[in-house]
Amino acid sequence: GLVAVLRLSAADLHVDPVAGDDRSDGR
């Protein structure tokens, strides 16, 4: 049930071309 809830929850992903890192999850 927890996995199902996590899949349904929306995520905010952020992109920063200077401070960002593509190894990050964006969250």
PDB file of all heavy atoms in Angstrom:
ATOM      1  N   GLY A   1       0.813  -1.209   0.000  1.00  0.00           N
ATOM      2  CA  GLY A   1       0.000   0.000   0.000  1.00  0.00           C
ATOM      3  C   GLY A   1       0.843   1.253   0.000  1.00  0.00           C
ATOM      4  O   GLY A   1       0.529   2.237  -0.679  1.00  0.00           O
ATOM      5  N   LEU A   2       1.926   1.264   0.741  1.00  0.00           N
ATOM      6  CA  LEU A   2       2.816   2.425   0.785  1.00  0.00           C
ATOM      7  C   LEU A   2       3.461   2.666  -0.556  1.00  0.00           C
ATOM      8  O   LEU A   2       3.552   3.818  -1.023  1.00  0.00           O
ATOM      9  CB  LEU A   2       3.897   2.204   1.853  1.00  0.00           C
ATOM     10  CG  LEU A   2       4.947   3.329   1.989  1.00  0.00           C
ATOM     11  CD1 LEU A   2       4.258   4.638   2.359  1.00  0.00           C
ATOM     12  CD2 LEU A   2       5.995   2.954   3.029  1.00  0.00           C
ATOM     13  N   VAL A   3       3.911   1.611  -1.225  1.00  0.00           N
ATOM     14  CA  VAL A   3       4.505   1.758  -2.554  1.00  0.00           C
ATOM     15  C   VAL A   3       3.489   2.337  -3.523  1.00  0.00           C
ATOM     16  O   VAL A   3       3.802   3.218  -4.342  1.00  0.00           O
ATOM     17  CB  VAL A   3       5.031   0.400  -3.065  1.00  0.00           C
ATOM     18  CG1 VAL A   3       5.432   0.498  -4.529  1.00  0.00           C
ATOM     19  CG2 VAL A   3       6.212  -0.050  -2.214  1.00  0.00           C
ATOM     20  N   ALA A   4       2.238   1.868  -3.458  1.00  0.00           N
ATOM     21  CA  ALA A   4       1.202   2.381  -4.345  1.00  0.00           C
ATOM     22  C   ALA A   4       0.967   3.860  -4.113  1.00  0.00           C
ATOM     23  O   ALA A   4       0.807   4.645  -5.056  1.00  0.00           O
ATOM     24  CB  ALA A   4      -0.096   1.590  -4.144  1.00  0.00           C
ATOM     25  N   VAL A   5       0.937   4.282  -2.837  1.00  0.00           N
ATOM     26  CA  VAL A   5       0.744   5.697  -2.522  1.00  0.00           C
ATOM     27  C   VAL A   5       1.901   6.529  -3.051  1.00  0.00           C
ATOM     28  O   VAL A   5       1.715   7.613  -3.622  1.00  0.00           O
ATOM     29  CB  VAL A   5       0.586   5.887  -1.001  1.00  0.00           C
ATOM     30  CG1 VAL A   5       0.652   7.366  -0.641  1.00  0.00           C
ATOM     31  CG2 VAL A   5      -0.729   5.288  -0.529  1.00  0.00           C
ATOM     32  N   LEU A   6       3.127   6.042  -2.877  1.00  0.00           N
ATOM     33  CA  LEU A   6       4.292   6.781  -3.358  1.00  0.00           C
ATOM     34  C   LEU A   6       4.246   6.945  -4.872  1.00  0.00           C
ATOM     35  O   LEU A   6       4.614   7.987  -5.414  1.00  0.00           O
ATOM     36  CB  LEU A   6       5.568   6.059  -2.941  1.00  0.00           C
ATOM     37  CG  LEU A   6       5.906   6.125  -1.445  1.00  0.00           C
ATOM     38  CD1 LEU A   6       7.124   5.262  -1.148  1.00  0.00           C
ATOM     39  CD2 LEU A   6       6.149   7.563  -0.993  1.00  0.00           C
ATOM     40  N   ARG A   7       3.783   5.914  -5.586  1.00  0.00           N
ATOM     41  CA  ARG A   7       3.716   5.991  -7.043  1.00  0.00           C
ATOM     42  C   ARG A   7       2.650   6.997  -7.492  1.00  0.00           C
ATOM     43  O   ARG A   7       2.782   7.611  -8.534  1.00  0.00           O
ATOM     44  CB  ARG A   7       3.428   4.609  -7.622  1.00  0.00           C
ATOM     45  CG  ARG A   7       4.648   3.687  -7.589  1.00  0.00           C
ATOM     46  CD  ARG A   7       4.314   2.311  -8.114  1.00  0.00           C
ATOM     47  NE  ARG A   7       5.488   1.444  -8.142  1.00  0.00           N
ATOM     48  CZ  ARG A   7       5.445   0.136  -8.377  1.00  0.00           C
ATOM     49  NH1 ARG A   7       4.286  -0.448  -8.609  1.00  0.00           N
ATOM     50  NH2 ARG A   7       6.551  -0.572  -8.385  1.00  0.00           N
ATOM     51  N   LEU A   8       1.586   7.118  -6.709  1.00  0.00           N
ATOM     52  CA  LEU A   8       0.519   8.032  -7.079  1.00  0.00           C
ATOM     53  C   LEU A   8       0.839   9.467  -6.714  1.00  0.00           C
ATOM     54  O   LEU A   8       0.255  10.387  -7.273  1.00  0.00           O
ATOM     55  CB  LEU A   8      -0.791   7.599  -6.397  1.00  0.00           C
ATOM     56  CG  LEU A   8      -1.455   6.344  -6.964  1.00  0.00           C
ATOM     57  CD1 LEU A   8      -2.624   5.937  -6.080  1.00  0.00           C
ATOM     58  CD2 LEU A   8      -1.927   6.575  -8.394  1.00  0.00           C
ATOM     59  N   SER A   9       1.746   9.672  -5.760  1.00  0.00           N
ATOM     60  CA  SER A   9       2.056  11.035  -5.326  1.00  0.00           C
ATOM     61  C   SER A   9       2.884  11.736  -6.386  1.00  0.00           C
ATOM     62  O   SER A   9       3.764  11.161  -7.019  1.00  0.00           O
ATOM     63  CB  SER A   9       2.812  11.010  -3.998  1.00  0.00           C
ATOM     64  OG  SER A   9       4.064  10.360  -4.170  1.00  0.00           O
ATOM     65  N   ALA A  10       2.559  13.024  -6.613  1.00  0.00           N
ATOM     66  CA  ALA A  10       3.278  13.806  -7.613  1.00  0.00           C
ATOM     67  C   ALA A  10       4.582  14.320  -7.035  1.00  0.00           C
ATOM     68  O   ALA A  10       4.674  14.653  -5.854  1.00  0.00           O
ATOM     69  CB  ALA A  10       2.410  14.967  -8.077  1.00  0.00           C
ATOM     70  N   ALA A  11       5.587  14.393  -7.873  1.00  0.00           N
ATOM     71  CA  ALA A  11       6.893  14.892  -7.452  1.00  0.00           C
ATOM     72  C   ALA A  11       7.196  16.201  -8.151  1.00  0.00           C
ATOM     73  O   ALA A  11       6.790  16.426  -9.290  1.00  0.00           O
ATOM     74  CB  ALA A  11       7.978  13.862  -7.776  1.00  0.00           C
ATOM     75  N   ASP A  12       7.902  17.089  -7.462  1.00  0.00           N
ATOM     76  CA  ASP A  12       8.418  18.324  -8.039  1.00  0.00           C
ATOM     77  C   ASP A  12       9.898  18.123  -8.320  1.00  0.00           C
ATOM     78  O   ASP A  12      10.694  17.896  -7.395  1.00  0.00           O
ATOM     79  CB  ASP A  12       8.212  19.500  -7.080  1.00  0.00           C
ATOM     80  CG  ASP A  12       6.753  19.877  -6.940  1.00  0.00           C
ATOM     81  OD1 ASP A  12       6.101  20.071  -7.981  1.00  0.00           O
ATOM     82  OD2 ASP A  12       6.260  19.969  -5.798  1.00  0.00           O
ATOM     83  N   LEU A  13      10.251  18.179  -9.605  1.00  0.00           N
ATOM     84  CA  LEU A  13      11.637  17.989 -10.028  1.00  0.00           C
ATOM     85  C   LEU A  13      12.203  19.342 -10.450  1.00  0.00           C
ATOM     86  O   LEU A  13      11.569  20.077 -11.209  1.00  0.00           O
ATOM     87  CB  LEU A  13      11.709  17.006 -11.191  1.00  0.00           C
ATOM     88  CG  LEU A  13      10.989  15.662 -10.988  1.00  0.00           C
ATOM     89  CD1 LEU A  13      11.035  14.847 -12.270  1.00  0.00           C
ATOM     90  CD2 LEU A  13      11.609  14.897  -9.843  1.00  0.00           C
ATOM     91  N   HIS A  14      13.398  19.674  -9.981  1.00  0.00           N
ATOM     92  CA  HIS A  14      13.981  20.993 -10.233  1.00  0.00           C
ATOM     93  C   HIS A  14      15.245  20.859 -11.085  1.00  0.00           C
ATOM     94  O   HIS A  14      16.036  19.928 -10.905  1.00  0.00           O
ATOM     95  CB  HIS A  14      14.300  21.686  -8.913  1.00  0.00           C
ATOM     96  CG  HIS A  14      13.068  21.989  -8.104  1.00  0.00           C
ATOM     97  ND1 HIS A  14      12.381  23.164  -8.220  1.00  0.00           N
ATOM     98  CD2 HIS A  14      12.397  21.229  -7.183  1.00  0.00           C
ATOM     99  CE1 HIS A  14      11.328  23.146  -7.411  1.00  0.00           C
ATOM    100  NE2 HIS A  14      11.324  21.984  -6.765  1.00  0.00           N
ATOM    101  N   VAL A  15      15.412  21.819 -11.998  1.00  0.00           N
ATOM    102  CA  VAL A  15      16.560  21.821 -12.904  1.00  0.00           C
ATOM    103  C   VAL A  15      17.340  23.109 -12.699  1.00  0.00           C
ATOM    104  O   VAL A  15      16.799  24.214 -12.857  1.00  0.00           O
ATOM    105  CB  VAL A  15      16.117  21.716 -14.373  1.00  0.00           C
ATOM    106  CG1 VAL A  15      17.341  21.647 -15.291  1.00  0.00           C
ATOM    107  CG2 VAL A  15      15.221  20.509 -14.591  1.00  0.00           C
ATOM    108  N   ASP A  16      18.612  22.970 -12.354  1.00  0.00           N
ATOM    109  CA  ASP A  16      19.514  24.115 -12.185  1.00  0.00           C
ATOM    110  C   ASP A  16      20.780  23.823 -12.964  1.00  0.00           C
ATOM    111  O   ASP A  16      21.575  22.964 -12.575  1.00  0.00           O
ATOM    112  CB  ASP A  16      19.842  24.323 -10.703  1.00  0.00           C
ATOM    113  CG  ASP A  16      20.648  25.593 -10.461  1.00  0.00           C
ATOM    114  OD1 ASP A  16      21.418  26.013 -11.361  1.00  0.00           O
ATOM    115  OD2 ASP A  16      20.526  26.175  -9.363  1.00  0.00           O
ATOM    116  N   PRO A  17      21.004  24.519 -14.117  1.00  0.00           N
ATOM    117  CA  PRO A  17      22.170  24.198 -14.955  1.00  0.00           C
ATOM    118  C   PRO A  17      23.506  24.594 -14.334  1.00  0.00           C
ATOM    119  O   PRO A  17      24.555  24.200 -14.848  1.00  0.00           O
ATOM    120  CB  PRO A  17      21.898  24.997 -16.233  1.00  0.00           C
ATOM    121  CG  PRO A  17      21.044  26.137 -15.788  1.00  0.00           C
ATOM    122  CD  PRO A  17      20.197  25.612 -14.677  1.00  0.00           C
ATOM    123  N   VAL A  18      23.476  25.334 -13.256  1.00  0.00           N
ATOM    124  CA  VAL A  18      24.718  25.752 -12.594  1.00  0.00           C
ATOM    125  C   VAL A  18      24.977  24.909 -11.353  1.00  0.00           C
ATOM    126  O   VAL A  18      26.024  24.274 -11.217  1.00  0.00           O
ATOM    127  CB  VAL A  18      24.669  27.250 -12.230  1.00  0.00           C
ATOM    128  CG1 VAL A  18      25.925  27.652 -11.465  1.00  0.00           C
ATOM    129  CG2 VAL A  18      24.504  28.102 -13.474  1.00  0.00           C
ATOM    130  N   ALA A  19      24.023  24.880 -10.431  1.00  0.00           N
ATOM    131  CA  ALA A  19      24.225  24.175  -9.162  1.00  0.00           C
ATOM    132  C   ALA A  19      23.713  22.746  -9.190  1.00  0.00           C
ATOM    133  O   ALA A  19      23.951  21.992  -8.242  1.00  0.00           O
ATOM    134  CB  ALA A  19      23.527  24.953  -8.031  1.00  0.00           C
ATOM    135  N   GLY A  20      23.018  22.353 -10.254  1.00  0.00           N
ATOM    136  CA  GLY A  20      22.435  21.021 -10.303  1.00  0.00           C
ATOM    137  C   GLY A  20      23.443  19.925 -10.578  1.00  0.00           C
ATOM    138  O   GLY A  20      24.572  20.176 -11.019  1.00  0.00           O
ATOM    139  N   ASP A  21      23.019  18.698 -10.316  1.00  0.00           N
ATOM    140  CA  ASP A  21      23.858  17.519 -10.524  1.00  0.00           C
ATOM    141  C   ASP A  21      22.963  16.411 -11.065  1.00  0.00           C
ATOM    142  O   ASP A  21      21.963  16.049 -10.437  1.00  0.00           O
ATOM    143  CB  ASP A  21      24.495  17.096  -9.198  1.00  0.00           C
ATOM    144  CG  ASP A  21      25.511  15.979  -9.362  1.00  0.00           C
ATOM    145  OD1 ASP A  21      25.432  15.229 -10.367  1.00  0.00           O
ATOM    146  OD2 ASP A  21      26.389  15.837  -8.488  1.00  0.00           O
ATOM    147  N   ASP A  22      23.296  15.864 -12.234  1.00  0.00           N
ATOM    148  CA  ASP A  22      22.463  14.830 -12.836  1.00  0.00           C
ATOM    149  C   ASP A  22      22.507  13.512 -12.075  1.00  0.00           C
ATOM    150  O   ASP A  22      21.760  12.586 -12.408  1.00  0.00           O
ATOM    151  CB  ASP A  22      22.851  14.617 -14.302  1.00  0.00           C
ATOM    152  CG  ASP A  22      22.203  15.639 -15.216  1.00  0.00           C
ATOM    153  OD1 ASP A  22      21.314  16.379 -14.749  1.00  0.00           O
ATOM    154  OD2 ASP A  22      22.586  15.714 -16.402  1.00  0.00           O
ATOM    155  N   ARG A  23      23.338  13.409 -11.046  1.00  0.00           N
ATOM    156  CA  ARG A  23      23.298  12.240 -10.168  1.00  0.00           C
ATOM    157  C   ARG A  23      22.220  12.391  -9.101  1.00  0.00           C
ATOM    158  O   ARG A  23      21.898  11.442  -8.401  1.00  0.00           O
ATOM    159  CB  ARG A  23      24.658  12.013  -9.516  1.00  0.00           C
ATOM    160  CG  ARG A  23      25.757  11.624 -10.512  1.00  0.00           C
ATOM    161  CD  ARG A  23      27.119  11.639  -9.870  1.00  0.00           C
ATOM    162  NE  ARG A  23      27.500  12.993  -9.460  1.00  0.00           N
ATOM    163  CZ  ARG A  23      28.658  13.319  -8.899  1.00  0.00           C
ATOM    164  NH1 ARG A  23      29.575  12.373  -8.691  1.00  0.00           N
ATOM    165  NH2 ARG A  23      28.922  14.566  -8.560  1.00  0.00           N
ATOM    166  N   SER A  24      21.657  13.590  -9.002  1.00  0.00           N
ATOM    167  CA  SER A  24      20.596  13.844  -8.037  1.00  0.00           C
ATOM    168  C   SER A  24      19.279  13.276  -8.546  1.00  0.00           C
ATOM    169  O   SER A  24      19.129  12.936  -9.727  1.00  0.00           O
ATOM    170  CB  SER A  24      20.478  15.346  -7.790  1.00  0.00           C
ATOM    171  OG  SER A  24      19.356  15.639  -6.988  1.00  0.00           O
ATOM    172  N   ASP A  25      18.280  13.227  -7.660  1.00  0.00           N
ATOM    173  CA  ASP A  25      16.962  12.733  -8.056  1.00  0.00           C
ATOM    174  C   ASP A  25      16.026  13.863  -8.467  1.00  0.00           C
ATOM    175  O   ASP A  25      14.874  13.617  -8.831  1.00  0.00           O
ATOM    176  CB  ASP A  25      16.319  11.915  -6.936  1.00  0.00           C
ATOM    177  CG  ASP A  25      16.093  12.721  -5.658  1.00  0.00           C
ATOM    178  OD1 ASP A  25      16.352  13.949  -5.659  1.00  0.00           O
ATOM    179  OD2 ASP A  25      15.654  12.131  -4.656  1.00  0.00           O
ATOM    180  N   GLY A  26      16.498  15.116  -8.416  1.00  0.00           N
ATOM    181  CA  GLY A  26      15.667  16.245  -8.791  1.00  0.00           C
ATOM    182  C   GLY A  26      14.712  16.689  -7.705  1.00  0.00           C
ATOM    183  O   GLY A  26      14.120  17.761  -7.798  1.00  0.00           O
ATOM    184  N   ARG A  27      14.544  15.882  -6.685  1.00  0.00           N
ATOM    185  CA  ARG A  27      13.612  16.202  -5.599  1.00  0.00           C
ATOM    186  C   ARG A  27      14.361  16.726  -4.386  1.00  0.00           C
ATOM    187  O   ARG A  27      14.091  17.825  -3.906  1.00  0.00           O
ATOM    188  CB  ARG A  27      12.812  14.955  -5.206  1.00  0.00           C
ATOM    189  CG  ARG A  27      12.105  14.272  -6.364  1.00  0.00           C
ATOM    190  CD  ARG A  27      11.326  13.058  -5.905  1.00  0.00           C
ATOM    191  NE  ARG A  27      10.801  12.298  -7.053  1.00  0.00           N
ATOM    192  CZ  ARG A  27       9.885  11.372  -6.973  1.00  0.00           C
ATOM    193  NH1 ARG A  27       9.356  11.059  -5.792  1.00  0.00           N
ATOM    194  NH2 ARG A  27       9.458  10.733  -8.048  1.00  0.00           N
TER     195      ARG A  27
END
